[in-house]
């Protein structure tokens, strides 16, 4: 996982997108603005923080929370909320 190798940097290609900048970070993840040049759209990429993967139990819980958050966010439809892919 990219988060295991440290923070993403501007210009780096990750998940099919070109990273532009860091939008913010929290205890378990960092969100980046990135451009999907194939789709011609801006994306928000959420990447787990490196420390998240150090403890297997903590990493599993973070993955469960992340999957639940993604599933819930995918149900939302509003111009001010990014689509989940």
Protein backbone atom coordinates (compact mmCIF):
# COMPACT_ATOMS: atom_id res chain seq x y z
CA UNK A 1 0.00 0.00 0.00
CA UNK A 2 1.29 3.46 -0.83
CA UNK A 3 0.76 4.63 2.75
CA UNK A 4 3.33 2.08 3.89
CA UNK A 5 5.98 3.84 1.79
CA UNK A 6 5.28 7.28 3.23
CA UNK A 7 3.27 10.26 2.08
CA UNK A 8 2.32 10.74 -1.56
CA UNK A 9 3.93 13.67 -3.36
CA UNK A 10 2.68 16.05 -6.04
CA UNK A 11 3.06 14.58 -9.50
CA UNK A 12 3.15 10.99 -8.23
CA UNK A 13 0.81 8.52 -9.96
CA UNK A 14 -1.31 6.49 -7.54
CA UNK A 15 -4.50 4.47 -8.11
CA UNK A 16 -4.71 5.66 -11.70
CA UNK A 17 -4.53 9.33 -10.69
CA UNK A 18 -1.88 12.04 -10.58
CA UNK A 19 -1.53 13.42 -7.03
CA UNK A 20 -1.88 17.21 -6.78
CA UNK A 21 -1.70 17.99 -3.05
CA UNK A 22 -2.58 16.87 0.46
CA UNK A 23 -6.02 18.05 1.58
CA UNK A 24 -5.79 16.87 5.18
CA UNK A 25 -4.87 14.05 7.51
CA UNK A 26 -6.11 12.38 10.65
CA UNK A 27 -5.11 9.57 12.98
CA UNK A 28 -5.57 6.77 10.44
CA UNK A 29 -5.48 8.31 6.97
CA UNK A 30 -4.55 11.18 4.67
CA UNK A 31 -6.71 12.62 1.89
CA UNK A 32 -5.15 13.89 -1.34
CA UNK A 33 -6.54 15.85 -4.29
CA UNK A 34 -5.67 13.98 -7.47
CA UNK A 35 -6.58 14.15 -11.15
CA UNK A 36 -7.77 11.07 -13.02
CA UNK A 37 -6.41 11.92 -16.46
CA UNK A 38 -8.20 8.99 -18.12
CA UNK A 39 -11.64 10.10 -16.86
CA UNK A 40 -10.78 13.81 -16.94
CA UNK A 41 -12.03 14.26 -13.37
CA UNK A 42 -10.66 15.36 -10.02
CA UNK A 43 -10.71 12.78 -7.23
CA UNK A 44 -10.12 12.70 -3.49
CA UNK A 45 -7.83 9.79 -2.58
CA UNK A 46 -7.96 8.53 1.01
CA UNK A 47 -4.82 6.58 1.99
CA UNK A 48 -4.18 4.81 5.29
CA UNK A 49 -1.40 6.31 7.42
CA UNK A 50 1.76 4.15 7.72
CA UNK A 51 1.23 3.60 11.47
CA UNK A 52 -2.17 2.01 10.80
CA UNK A 53 -0.57 -1.12 9.38
CA UNK A 54 1.85 -1.79 12.24
CA UNK A 55 -0.58 -3.56 14.57
CA UNK A 56 -2.60 -6.26 12.73
CA UNK A 57 -5.63 -5.84 15.01
CA UNK A 58 -5.61 -2.06 14.62
CA UNK A 59 -5.13 -2.39 10.85
CA UNK A 60 -8.07 -4.81 10.56
CA UNK A 61 -10.34 -2.48 12.55
CA UNK A 62 -9.26 0.51 10.43
CA UNK A 63 -10.00 -1.46 7.26
CA UNK A 64 -13.47 -2.36 8.55
CA UNK A 65 -14.21 1.28 9.42
CA UNK A 66 -12.88 2.43 6.05
CA UNK A 67 -15.07 -0.09 4.16
CA UNK A 68 -18.14 0.94 6.17
CA UNK A 69 -17.42 4.63 5.58
CA UNK A 70 -17.02 4.01 1.83
CA UNK A 71 -20.25 1.99 1.63
CA UNK A 72 -22.21 4.71 3.46
CA UNK A 73 -20.65 7.52 1.42
CA UNK A 74 -21.45 5.68 -1.83
CA UNK A 75 -25.14 5.97 -0.97
CA UNK A 76 -24.99 9.78 -0.85
CA UNK A 77 -25.73 12.00 -3.83
CA UNK A 78 -25.10 15.73 -3.47
CA UNK A 79 -23.06 18.26 -5.50
CA UNK A 80 -20.99 19.11 -2.41
CA UNK A 81 -20.00 15.51 -1.66
CA UNK A 82 -17.39 13.58 -3.63
CA UNK A 83 -18.55 10.36 -5.28
CA UNK A 84 -17.08 7.14 -3.93
CA UNK A 85 -15.57 4.74 -6.48
